[in-house]
Amino acid sequence: MAFGNRLTAVRKKKKLSQADVGKMIGINGDAYGRYERSEVRPTIEMATKIANALNVSLDYLVGKTDLELDTDMLKRVQAVSNLPDKEKETVFVFLDSFIDRMKLQGVL
């Protein structure tokens, strides 16, 4: 999926208008709409502002990953990655166990 398509999908999922997002990043809604229609490519600085405003990773918007991680999830992942190895392993064991349980329940 192209950058513009991802912008549109995330914006709509968050129930925001183009004008809403434009206001959040300091431009008008029509200018933001050109990004969604892939008429114009934003600078890296503007793309970062958009990602922050939509609360998604820049990697997701540019198609580097299909995981739509919000900034809260990214902060948690960063916190775990900063733990000592033993504590990190404890988190992974718990997480793996929880995921297995969700699979058994048919949630995943």
PDB file of N, CA and C in Angstrom:
ATOM      1  N   MET A   1       0.845  -1.179   0.000  1.00  0.00           N
ATOM      2  CA  MET A   1       0.000   0.000   0.000  1.00  0.00           C
ATOM      3  C   MET A   1       0.891   1.244   0.000  1.00  0.00           C
ATOM      4  N   ALA A   2       0.538   2.215  -0.815  1.00  0.00           N
ATOM      5  CA  ALA A   2       1.331   3.435  -0.957  1.00  0.00           C
ATOM      6  C   ALA A   2       1.132   4.366   0.242  1.00  0.00           C
ATOM      7  N   PHE A   3       2.090   5.268   0.411  1.00  0.00           N
ATOM      8  CA  PHE A   3       2.078   6.235   1.506  1.00  0.00           C
ATOM      9  C   PHE A   3       0.733   6.952   1.603  1.00  0.00           C
ATOM     10  N   GLY A   4       0.252   7.497   0.493  1.00  0.00           N
ATOM     11  CA  GLY A   4      -1.006   8.230   0.491  1.00  0.00           C
ATOM     12  C   GLY A   4      -2.182   7.368   0.922  1.00  0.00           C
ATOM     13  N   ASN A   5      -2.199   6.131   0.465  1.00  0.00           N
ATOM     14  CA  ASN A   5      -3.276   5.214   0.854  1.00  0.00           C
ATOM     15  C   ASN A   5      -3.238   4.913   2.340  1.00  0.00           C
ATOM     16  N   ARG A   6      -2.040   4.757   2.872  1.00  0.00           N
ATOM     17  CA  ARG A   6      -1.915   4.497   4.308  1.00  0.00           C
ATOM     18  C   ARG A   6      -2.360   5.713   5.122  1.00  0.00           C
ATOM     19  N   LEU A   7      -2.013   6.900   4.643  1.00  0.00           N
ATOM     20  CA  LEU A   7      -2.469   8.113   5.329  1.00  0.00           C
ATOM     21  C   LEU A   7      -3.988   8.152   5.398  1.00  0.00           C
ATOM     22  N   THR A   8      -4.609   7.884   4.262  1.00  0.00           N
ATOM     23  CA  THR A   8      -6.069   7.920   4.198  1.00  0.00           C
ATOM     24  C   THR A   8      -6.681   6.887   5.136  1.00  0.00           C
ATOM     25  N   ALA A   9      -6.156   5.663   5.094  1.00  0.00           N
ATOM     26  CA  ALA A   9      -6.708   4.583   5.916  1.00  0.00           C
ATOM     27  C   ALA A   9      -6.590   4.891   7.402  1.00  0.00           C
ATOM     28  N   VAL A  10      -5.418   5.370   7.825  1.00  0.00           N
ATOM     29  CA  VAL A  10      -5.214   5.675   9.249  1.00  0.00           C
ATOM     30  C   VAL A  10      -6.094   6.843   9.673  1.00  0.00           C
ATOM     31  N   ARG A  11      -6.157   7.868   8.848  1.00  0.00           N
ATOM     32  CA  ARG A  11      -6.981   9.044   9.182  1.00  0.00           C
ATOM     33  C   ARG A  11      -8.439   8.646   9.349  1.00  0.00           C
ATOM     34  N   LYS A  12      -8.946   7.863   8.415  1.00  0.00           N
ATOM     35  CA  LYS A  12     -10.342   7.445   8.489  1.00  0.00           C
ATOM     36  C   LYS A  12     -10.594   6.545   9.687  1.00  0.00           C
ATOM     37  N   LYS A  13      -9.640   5.675   9.974  1.00  0.00           N
ATOM     38  CA  LYS A  13      -9.771   4.789  11.136  1.00  0.00           C
ATOM     39  C   LYS A  13      -9.887   5.600  12.421  1.00  0.00           C
ATOM     40  N   LYS A  14      -9.185   6.725  12.470  1.00  0.00           N
ATOM     41  CA  LYS A  14      -9.204   7.586  13.647  1.00  0.00           C
ATOM     42  C   LYS A  14     -10.337   8.615  13.580  1.00  0.00           C
ATOM     43  N   LYS A  15     -11.154   8.518  12.526  1.00  0.00           N
ATOM     44  CA  LYS A  15     -12.325   9.391  12.349  1.00  0.00           C
ATOM     45  C   LYS A  15     -11.952  10.872  12.352  1.00  0.00           C
ATOM     46  N   LEU A  16     -10.897  11.174  11.603  1.00  0.00           N
ATOM     47  CA  LEU A  16     -10.445  12.556  11.460  1.00  0.00           C
ATOM     48  C   LEU A  16     -10.683  13.012  10.031  1.00  0.00           C
ATOM     49  N   SER A  17     -10.920  14.294   9.849  1.00  0.00           N
ATOM     50  CA  SER A  17     -11.017  14.856   8.500  1.00  0.00           C
ATOM     51  C   SER A  17      -9.616  15.283   8.049  1.00  0.00           C
ATOM     52  N   GLN A  18      -9.500  15.551   6.762  1.00  0.00           N
ATOM     53  CA  GLN A  18      -8.228  16.075   6.264  1.00  0.00           C
ATOM     54  C   GLN A  18      -7.923  17.414   6.927  1.00  0.00           C
ATOM     55  N   ALA A  19      -8.937  18.218   7.146  1.00  0.00           N
ATOM     56  CA  ALA A  19      -8.741  19.506   7.817  1.00  0.00           C
ATOM     57  C   ALA A  19      -8.245  19.302   9.245  1.00  0.00           C
ATOM     58  N   ASP A  20      -8.777  18.288   9.938  1.00  0.00           N
ATOM     59  CA  ASP A  20      -8.322  17.990  11.303  1.00  0.00           C
ATOM     60  C   ASP A  20      -6.828  17.687  11.325  1.00  0.00           C
ATOM     61  N   VAL A  21      -6.410  16.799  10.431  1.00  0.00           N
ATOM     62  CA  VAL A  21      -4.991  16.413  10.401  1.00  0.00           C
ATOM     63  C   VAL A  21      -4.140  17.607   9.981  1.00  0.00           C
ATOM     64  N   GLY A  22      -4.609  18.344   8.992  1.00  0.00           N
ATOM     65  CA  GLY A  22      -3.878  19.532   8.558  1.00  0.00           C
ATOM     66  C   GLY A  22      -3.632  20.492   9.703  1.00  0.00           C
ATOM     67  N   LYS A  23      -4.676  20.723  10.495  1.00  0.00           N
ATOM     68  CA  LYS A  23      -4.557  21.627  11.639  1.00  0.00           C
ATOM     69  C   LYS A  23      -3.535  21.085  12.647  1.00  0.00           C
ATOM     70  N   MET A  24      -3.539  19.765  12.843  1.00  0.00           N
ATOM     71  CA  MET A  24      -2.622  19.150  13.813  1.00  0.00           C
ATOM     72  C   MET A  24      -1.161  19.305  13.400  1.00  0.00           C
ATOM     73  N   ILE A  25      -0.915  19.373  12.086  1.00  0.00           N
ATOM     74  CA  ILE A  25       0.473  19.448  11.603  1.00  0.00           C
ATOM     75  C   ILE A  25       0.852  20.831  11.086  1.00  0.00           C
ATOM     76  N   GLY A  26      -0.080  21.777  11.189  1.00  0.00           N
ATOM     77  CA  GLY A  26       0.248  23.154  10.843  1.00  0.00           C
ATOM     78  C   GLY A  26       0.101  23.530   9.383  1.00  0.00           C
ATOM     79  N   ILE A  27      -0.745  22.802   8.644  1.00  0.00           N
ATOM     80  CA  ILE A  27      -1.026  23.161   7.252  1.00  0.00           C
ATOM     81  C   ILE A  27      -2.538  23.092   7.059  1.00  0.00           C
ATOM     82  N   ASN A  28      -3.016  23.528   5.894  1.00  0.00           N
ATOM     83  CA  ASN A  28      -4.461  23.436   5.679  1.00  0.00           C
ATOM     84  C   ASN A  28      -4.839  22.051   5.164  1.00  0.00           C
ATOM     85  N   GLY A  29      -6.113  21.741   5.256  1.00  0.00           N
ATOM     86  CA  GLY A  29      -6.599  20.421   4.873  1.00  0.00           C
ATOM     87  C   GLY A  29      -6.384  20.093   3.413  1.00  0.00           C
ATOM     88  N   ASP A  30      -6.464  21.101   2.543  1.00  0.00           N
ATOM     89  CA  ASP A  30      -6.241  20.864   1.116  1.00  0.00           C
ATOM     90  C   ASP A  30      -4.804  20.440   0.846  1.00  0.00           C
ATOM     91  N   ALA A  31      -3.857  21.064   1.520  1.00  0.00           N
ATOM     92  CA  ALA A  31      -2.448  20.692   1.353  1.00  0.00           C
ATOM     93  C   ALA A  31      -2.224  19.272   1.854  1.00  0.00           C
ATOM     94  N   TYR A  32      -2.828  18.940   2.977  1.00  0.00           N
ATOM     95  CA  TYR A  32      -2.710  17.580   3.492  1.00  0.00           C
ATOM     96  C   TYR A  32      -3.341  16.582   2.517  1.00  0.00           C
ATOM     97  N   GLY A  33      -4.459  16.935   1.926  1.00  0.00           N
ATOM     98  CA  GLY A  33      -5.138  16.061   0.963  1.00  0.00           C
ATOM     99  C   GLY A  33      -4.254  15.693  -0.215  1.00  0.00           C
ATOM    100  N   ARG A  34      -3.377  16.595  -0.610  1.00  0.00           N
ATOM    101  CA  ARG A  34      -2.438  16.288  -1.711  1.00  0.00           C
ATOM    102  C   ARG A  34      -1.487  15.170  -1.329  1.00  0.00           C
ATOM    103  N   TYR A  35      -1.127  15.059  -0.047  1.00  0.00           N
ATOM    104  CA  TYR A  35      -0.296  13.938   0.403  1.00  0.00           C
ATOM    105  C   TYR A  35      -1.072  12.631   0.278  1.00  0.00           C
ATOM    106  N   GLU A  36      -2.343  12.660   0.677  1.00  0.00           N
ATOM    107  CA  GLU A  36      -3.160  11.442   0.598  1.00  0.00           C
ATOM    108  C   GLU A  36      -3.365  11.004  -0.848  1.00  0.00           C
ATOM    109  N   ARG A  37      -3.497  11.945  -1.745  1.00  0.00           N
ATOM    110  CA  ARG A  37      -3.705  11.617  -3.156  1.00  0.00           C
ATOM    111  C   ARG A  37      -2.380  11.347  -3.880  1.00  0.00           C
ATOM    112  N   SER A  38      -1.276  11.394  -3.148  1.00  0.00           N
ATOM    113  CA  SER A  38       0.074  11.172  -3.703  1.00  0.00           C
ATOM    114  C   SER A  38       0.418  12.161  -4.811  1.00  0.00           C
ATOM    115  N   GLU A  39      -0.159  13.360  -4.735  1.00  0.00           N
ATOM    116  CA  GLU A  39       0.186  14.417  -5.683  1.00  0.00           C
ATOM    117  C   GLU A  39       1.504  15.060  -5.295  1.00  0.00           C
ATOM    118  N   VAL A  40       1.782  15.080  -3.996  1.00  0.00           N
ATOM    119  CA  VAL A  40       2.997  15.687  -3.453  1.00  0.00           C
ATOM    120  C   VAL A  40       3.549  14.751  -2.394  1.00  0.00           C
ATOM    121  N   ARG A  41       4.862  14.684  -2.305  1.00  0.00           N
ATOM    122  CA  ARG A  41       5.502  13.901  -1.245  1.00  0.00           C
ATOM    123  C   ARG A  41       5.975  14.853  -0.153  1.00  0.00           C
ATOM    124  N   PRO A  42       5.684  14.509   1.094  1.00  0.00           N
ATOM    125  CA  PRO A  42       6.118  15.392   2.182  1.00  0.00           C
ATOM    126  C   PRO A  42       7.618  15.259   2.441  1.00  0.00           C
ATOM    127  N   THR A  43       8.191  16.300   3.007  1.00  0.00           N
ATOM    128  CA  THR A  43       9.573  16.199   3.475  1.00  0.00           C
ATOM    129  C   THR A  43       9.610  15.198   4.624  1.00  0.00           C
ATOM    130  N   ILE A  44      10.769  14.751   4.996  1.00  0.00           N
ATOM    131  CA  ILE A  44      10.886  13.823   6.119  1.00  0.00           C
ATOM    132  C   ILE A  44      10.384  14.472   7.404  1.00  0.00           C
ATOM    133  N   GLU A  45      10.626  15.761   7.539  1.00  0.00           N
ATOM    134  CA  GLU A  45      10.146  16.471   8.720  1.00  0.00           C
ATOM    135  C   GLU A  45       8.621  16.486   8.770  1.00  0.00           C
ATOM    136  N   MET A  46       7.986  16.745   7.620  1.00  0.00           N
ATOM    137  CA  MET A  46       6.526  16.775   7.565  1.00  0.00           C
ATOM    138  C   MET A  46       5.960  15.366   7.743  1.00  0.00           C
ATOM    139  N   ALA A  47       6.587  14.372   7.150  1.00  0.00           N
ATOM    140  CA  ALA A  47       6.123  12.994   7.308  1.00  0.00           C
ATOM    141  C   ALA A  47       6.192  12.581   8.775  1.00  0.00           C
ATOM    142  N   THR A  48       7.216  13.024   9.478  1.00  0.00           N
ATOM    143  CA  THR A  48       7.335  12.737  10.906  1.00  0.00           C
ATOM    144  C   THR A  48       6.229  13.420  11.682  1.00  0.00           C
ATOM    145  N   LYS A  49       5.914  14.668  11.335  1.00  0.00           N
ATOM    146  CA  LYS A  49       4.800  15.376  11.986  1.00  0.00           C
ATOM    147  C   LYS A  49       3.487  14.634  11.771  1.00  0.00           C
ATOM    148  N   ILE A  50       3.285  14.154  10.547  1.00  0.00           N
ATOM    149  CA  ILE A  50       2.054  13.428  10.228  1.00  0.00           C
ATOM    150  C   ILE A  50       1.970  12.140  11.040  1.00  0.00           C
ATOM    151  N   ALA A  51       3.069  11.393  11.084  1.00  0.00           N
ATOM    152  CA  ALA A  51       3.093  10.143  11.853  1.00  0.00           C
ATOM    153  C   ALA A  51       2.784  10.417  13.319  1.00  0.00           C
ATOM    154  N   ASN A  52       3.379  11.450  13.867  1.00  0.00           N
ATOM    155  CA  ASN A  52       3.120  11.803  15.267  1.00  0.00           C
ATOM    156  C   ASN A  52       1.667  12.213  15.480  1.00  0.00           C
ATOM    157  N   ALA A  53       1.133  13.002  14.566  1.00  0.00           N
ATOM    158  CA  ALA A  53      -0.252  13.449  14.694  1.00  0.00           C
ATOM    159  C   ALA A  53      -1.223  12.278  14.620  1.00  0.00           C
ATOM    160  N   LEU A  54      -0.930  11.304  13.754  1.00  0.00           N
ATOM    161  CA  LEU A  54      -1.801  10.142  13.595  1.00  0.00           C
ATOM    162  C   LEU A  54      -1.480   9.031  14.587  1.00  0.00           C
ATOM    163  N   ASN A  55      -0.432   9.227  15.378  1.00  0.00           N
ATOM    164  CA  ASN A  55      -0.040   8.275  16.410  1.00  0.00           C
ATOM    165  C   ASN A  55       0.304   6.900  15.829  1.00  0.00           C
ATOM    166  N   VAL A  56       1.066   6.910  14.726  1.00  0.00           N
ATOM    167  CA  VAL A  56       1.568   5.680  14.113  1.00  0.00           C
ATOM    168  C   VAL A  56       3.046   5.866  13.814  1.00  0.00           C
ATOM    169  N   SER A  57       3.713   4.764  13.527  1.00  0.00           N
ATOM    170  CA  SER A  57       5.134   4.868  13.219  1.00  0.00           C
ATOM    171  C   SER A  57       5.337   5.342  11.780  1.00  0.00           C
ATOM    172  N   LEU A  58       6.421   6.034  11.567  1.00  0.00           N
ATOM    173  CA  LEU A  58       6.779   6.456  10.222  1.00  0.00           C
ATOM    174  C   LEU A  58       7.065   5.229   9.360  1.00  0.00           C
ATOM    175  N   ASP A  59       7.643   4.184   9.949  1.00  0.00           N
ATOM    176  CA  ASP A  59       7.884   2.931   9.218  1.00  0.00           C
ATOM    177  C   ASP A  59       6.586   2.391   8.623  1.00  0.00           C
ATOM    178  N   TYR A  60       5.504   2.462   9.385  1.00  0.00           N
ATOM    179  CA  TYR A  60       4.222   1.980   8.871  1.00  0.00           C
ATOM    180  C   TYR A  60       3.764   2.844   7.701  1.00  0.00           C
ATOM    181  N   LEU A  61       3.828   4.148   7.851  1.00  0.00           N
ATOM    182  CA  LEU A  61       3.337   5.030   6.795  1.00  0.00           C
ATOM    183  C   LEU A  61       4.095   4.870   5.491  1.00  0.00           C
ATOM    184  N   VAL A  62       5.401   4.628   5.570  1.00  0.00           N
ATOM    185  CA  VAL A  62       6.190   4.509   4.334  1.00  0.00           C
ATOM    186  C   VAL A  62       6.233   3.079   3.805  1.00  0.00           C
ATOM    187  N   GLY A  63       5.565   2.151   4.498  1.00  0.00           N
ATOM    188  CA  GLY A  63       5.481   0.789   3.997  1.00  0.00           C
ATOM    189  C   GLY A  63       6.617  -0.130   4.393  1.00  0.00           C
ATOM    190  N   LYS A  64       7.448   0.320   5.313  1.00  0.00           N
ATOM    191  CA  LYS A  64       8.560  -0.519   5.760  1.00  0.00           C
ATOM    192  C   LYS A  64       8.057  -1.691   6.602  1.00  0.00           C
ATOM    193  N   THR A  65       6.905  -1.512   7.249  1.00  0.00           N
ATOM    194  CA  THR A  65       6.273  -2.569   8.025  1.00  0.00           C
ATOM    195  C   THR A  65       4.765  -2.485   7.840  1.00  0.00           C
ATOM    196  N   ASP A  66       4.110  -3.615   8.009  1.00  0.00           N
ATOM    197  CA  ASP A  66       2.654  -3.623   7.956  1.00  0.00           C
ATOM    198  C   ASP A  66       2.040  -3.581   9.345  1.00  0.00           C
ATOM    199  N   LEU A  67       2.896  -3.511  10.363  1.00  0.00           N
ATOM    200  CA  LEU A  67       2.413  -3.406  11.735  1.00  0.00           C
ATOM    201  C   LEU A  67       2.089  -1.952  12.036  1.00  0.00           C
ATOM    202  N   GLU A  68       0.831  -1.707  12.327  1.00  0.00           N
ATOM    203  CA  GLU A  68       0.396  -0.344  12.616  1.00  0.00           C
ATOM    204  C   GLU A  68       0.572  -0.078  14.108  1.00  0.00           C
ATOM    205  N   LEU A  69       1.829   0.092  14.510  1.00  0.00           N
ATOM    206  CA  LEU A  69       2.136   0.321  15.915  1.00  0.00           C
ATOM    207  C   LEU A  69       1.913   1.776  16.276  1.00  0.00           C
ATOM    208  N   ASP A  70       1.146   1.987  17.332  1.00  0.00           N
ATOM    209  CA  ASP A  70       0.988   3.357  17.792  1.00  0.00           C
ATOM    210  C   ASP A  70       2.171   3.720  18.694  1.00  0.00           C
ATOM    211  N   THR A  71       2.300   4.975  19.001  1.00  0.00           N
ATOM    212  CA  THR A  71       3.469   5.421  19.757  1.00  0.00           C
ATOM    213  C   THR A  71       3.502   4.841  21.170  1.00  0.00           C
ATOM    214  N   ASP A  72       2.337   4.563  21.762  1.00  0.00           N
ATOM    215  CA  ASP A  72       2.328   3.938  23.093  1.00  0.00           C
ATOM    216  C   ASP A  72       2.928   2.537  23.043  1.00  0.00           C
ATOM    217  N   MET A  73       2.574   1.777  22.011  1.00  0.00           N
ATOM    218  CA  MET A  73       3.133   0.431  21.856  1.00  0.00           C
ATOM    219  C   MET A  73       4.641   0.506  21.613  1.00  0.00           C
ATOM    220  N   LEU A  74       5.064   1.455  20.798  1.00  0.00           N
ATOM    221  CA  LEU A  74       6.492   1.608  20.528  1.00  0.00           C
ATOM    222  C   LEU A  74       7.263   1.949  21.801  1.00  0.00           C
ATOM    223  N   LYS A  75       6.687   2.777  22.658  1.00  0.00           N
ATOM    224  CA  LYS A  75       7.341   3.117  23.926  1.00  0.00           C
ATOM    225  C   LYS A  75       7.498   1.878  24.801  1.00  0.00           C
ATOM    226  N   ARG A  76       6.481   1.029  24.801  1.00  0.00           N
ATOM    227  CA  ARG A  76       6.564  -0.209  25.586  1.00  0.00           C
ATOM    228  C   ARG A  76       7.650  -1.131  25.040  1.00  0.00           C
ATOM    229  N   VAL A  77       7.708  -1.253  23.728  1.00  0.00           N
ATOM    230  CA  VAL A  77       8.741  -2.098  23.108  1.00  0.00           C
ATOM    231  C   VAL A  77      10.128  -1.551  23.443  1.00  0.00           C
ATOM    232  N   GLN A  78      10.281  -0.240  23.397  1.00  0.00           N
ATOM    233  CA  GLN A  78      11.566   0.367  23.742  1.00  0.00           C
ATOM    234  C   GLN A  78      11.916   0.105  25.199  1.00  0.00           C
ATOM    235  N   ALA A  79      10.937   0.201  26.079  1.00  0.00           N
ATOM    236  CA  ALA A  79      11.192  -0.040  27.500  1.00  0.00           C
ATOM    237  C   ALA A  79      11.649  -1.468  27.724  1.00  0.00           C
ATOM    238  N   VAL A  80      11.010  -2.426  27.064  1.00  0.00           N
ATOM    239  CA  VAL A  80      11.415  -3.830  27.199  1.00  0.00           C
ATOM    240  C   VAL A  80      12.818  -4.025  26.639  1.00  0.00           C
ATOM    241  N   SER A  81      13.106  -3.400  25.519  1.00  0.00           N
ATOM    242  CA  SER A  81      14.432  -3.583  24.912  1.00  0.00           C
ATOM    243  C   SER A  81      15.546  -3.010  25.783  1.00  0.00           C
ATOM    244  N   ASN A  82      15.218  -2.097  26.692  1.00  0.00           N
ATOM    245  CA  ASN A  82      16.220  -1.518  27.584  1.00  0.00           C
ATOM    246  C   ASN A  82      16.411  -2.302  28.877  1.00  0.00           C
ATOM    247  N   LEU A  83      15.592  -3.331  29.081  1.00  0.00           N
ATOM    248  CA  LEU A  83      15.732  -4.151  30.293  1.00  0.00           C
ATOM    249  C   LEU A  83      16.983  -5.017  30.227  1.00  0.00           C
ATOM    250  N   PRO A  84      17.508  -5.409  31.377  1.00  0.00           N
ATOM    251  CA  PRO A  84      18.593  -6.388  31.388  1.00  0.00           C
ATOM    252  C   PRO A  84      18.098  -7.701  30.766  1.00  0.00           C
ATOM    253  N   ASP A  85      18.997  -8.492  30.250  1.00  0.00           N
ATOM    254  CA  ASP A  85      18.635  -9.707  29.519  1.00  0.00           C
ATOM    255  C   ASP A  85      17.725 -10.643  30.317  1.00  0.00           C
ATOM    256  N   LYS A  86      18.013 -10.832  31.580  1.00  0.00           N
ATOM    257  CA  LYS A  86      17.212 -11.755  32.393  1.00  0.00           C
ATOM    258  C   LYS A  86      15.763 -11.265  32.508  1.00  0.00           C
ATOM    259  N   GLU A  87      15.570  -9.996  32.764  1.00  0.00           N
ATOM    260  CA  GLU A  87      14.229  -9.440  32.886  1.00  0.00           C
ATOM    261  C   GLU A  87      13.520  -9.419  31.529  1.00  0.00           C
ATOM    262  N   LYS A  88      14.285  -9.165  30.492  1.00  0.00           N
ATOM    263  CA  LYS A  88      13.725  -9.188  29.144  1.00  0.00           C
ATOM    264  C   LYS A  88      13.184 -10.585  28.831  1.00  0.00           C
ATOM    265  N   GLU A  89      13.940 -11.609  29.190  1.00  0.00           N
ATOM    266  CA  GLU A  89      13.510 -12.988  28.962  1.00  0.00           C
ATOM    267  C   GLU A  89      12.232 -13.298  29.743  1.00  0.00           C
ATOM    268  N   THR A  90      12.111 -12.772  30.948  1.00  0.00           N
ATOM    269  CA  THR A  90      10.900 -12.961  31.747  1.00  0.00           C
ATOM    270  C   THR A  90       9.685 -12.368  31.034  1.00  0.00           C
ATOM    271  N   VAL A  91       9.852 -11.186  30.479  1.00  0.00           N
ATOM    272  CA  VAL A  91       8.765 -10.550  29.738  1.00  0.00           C
ATOM    273  C   VAL A  91       8.383 -11.411  28.537  1.00  0.00           C
ATOM    274  N   PHE A  92       9.361 -11.940  27.823  1.00  0.00           N
ATOM    275  CA  PHE A  92       9.085 -12.753  26.642  1.00  0.00           C
ATOM    276  C   PHE A  92       8.381 -14.059  27.007  1.00  0.00           C
ATOM    277  N   VAL A  93       8.770 -14.680  28.100  1.00  0.00           N
ATOM    278  CA  VAL A  93       8.115 -15.917  28.537  1.00  0.00           C
ATOM    279  C   VAL A  93       6.649 -15.637  28.858  1.00  0.00           C
ATOM    280  N   PHE A  94       6.408 -14.570  29.596  1.00  0.00           N
ATOM    281  CA  PHE A  94       5.030 -14.206  29.925  1.00  0.00           C
ATOM    282  C   PHE A  94       4.236 -13.907  28.658  1.00  0.00           C
ATOM    283  N   LEU A  95       4.807 -13.123  27.772  1.00  0.00           N
ATOM    284  CA  LEU A  95       4.127 -12.734  26.541  1.00  0.00           C
ATOM    285  C   LEU A  95       3.822 -13.954  25.675  1.00  0.00           C
ATOM    286  N   ASP A  96       4.792 -14.839  25.519  1.00  0.00           N
ATOM    287  CA  ASP A  96       4.579 -16.058  24.729  1.00  0.00           C
ATOM    288  C   ASP A  96       3.462 -16.906  25.330  1.00  0.00           C
ATOM    289  N   SER A  97       3.456 -17.023  26.646  1.00  0.00           N
ATOM    290  CA  SER A  97       2.421 -17.791  27.328  1.00  0.00           C
ATOM    291  C   SER A  97       1.042 -17.167  27.105  1.00  0.00           C
ATOM    292  N   PHE A  98       0.963 -15.877  27.227  1.00  0.00           N
ATOM    293  CA  PHE A  98      -0.298 -15.173  27.033  1.00  0.00           C
ATOM    294  C   PHE A  98      -0.794 -15.338  25.601  1.00  0.00           C
ATOM    295  N   ILE A  99       0.102 -15.191  24.633  1.00  0.00           N
ATOM    296  CA  ILE A  99      -0.276 -15.343  23.223  1.00  0.00           C
ATOM    297  C   ILE A  99      -0.770 -16.756  22.952  1.00  0.00           C
ATOM    298  N   ASP A 100      -0.088 -17.769  23.488  1.00  0.00           N
ATOM    299  CA  ASP A 100      -0.523 -19.164  23.320  1.00  0.00           C
ATOM    300  C   ASP A 100      -1.924 -19.359  23.888  1.00  0.00           C
ATOM    301  N   ARG A 101      -2.193 -18.772  25.057  1.00  0.00           N
ATOM    302  CA  ARG A 101      -3.514 -18.885  25.677  1.00  0.00           C
ATOM    303  C   ARG A 101      -4.589 -18.224  24.808  1.00  0.00           C
ATOM    304  N   MET A 102      -4.277 -17.076  24.232  1.00  0.00           N
ATOM    305  CA  MET A 102      -5.228 -16.387  23.355  1.00  0.00           C
ATOM    306  C   MET A 102      -5.507 -17.217  22.100  1.00  0.00           C
ATOM    307  N   LYS A 103      -4.485 -17.885  21.575  1.00  0.00           N
ATOM    308  CA  LYS A 103      -4.668 -18.743  20.405  1.00  0.00           C
ATOM    309  C   LYS A 103      -5.586 -19.911  20.750  1.00  0.00           C
ATOM    310  N   LEU A 104      -5.387 -20.519  21.911  1.00  0.00           N
ATOM    311  CA  LEU A 104      -6.235 -21.625  22.339  1.00  0.00           C
ATOM    312  C   LEU A 104      -7.688 -21.193  22.513  1.00  0.00           C
ATOM    313  N   GLN A 105      -7.904 -19.959  22.907  1.00  0.00           N
ATOM    314  CA  GLN A 105      -9.251 -19.427  23.098  1.00  0.00           C
ATOM    315  C   GLN A 105      -9.864 -18.942  21.788  1.00  0.00           C
ATOM    316  N   GLY A 106      -9.063 -18.992  20.717  1.00  0.00           N
ATOM    317  CA  GLY A 106      -9.559 -18.561  19.414  1.00  0.00           C
ATOM    318  C   GLY A 106      -9.591 -17.061  19.203  1.00  0.00           C
ATOM    319  N   VAL A 107      -8.938 -16.326  20.099  1.00  0.00           N
ATOM    320  CA  VAL A 107      -8.890 -14.865  19.977  1.00  0.00           C
ATOM    321  C   VAL A 107      -7.927 -14.455  18.860  1.00  0.00           C
ATOM    322  N   LEU A 108      -6.856 -15.196  18.711  1.00  0.00           N
ATOM    323  CA  LEU A 108      -5.850 -14.890  17.678  1.00  0.00           C
ATOM    324  C   LEU A 108      -5.879 -15.939  16.585  1.00  0.00           C
TER     325      LEU A 108
END
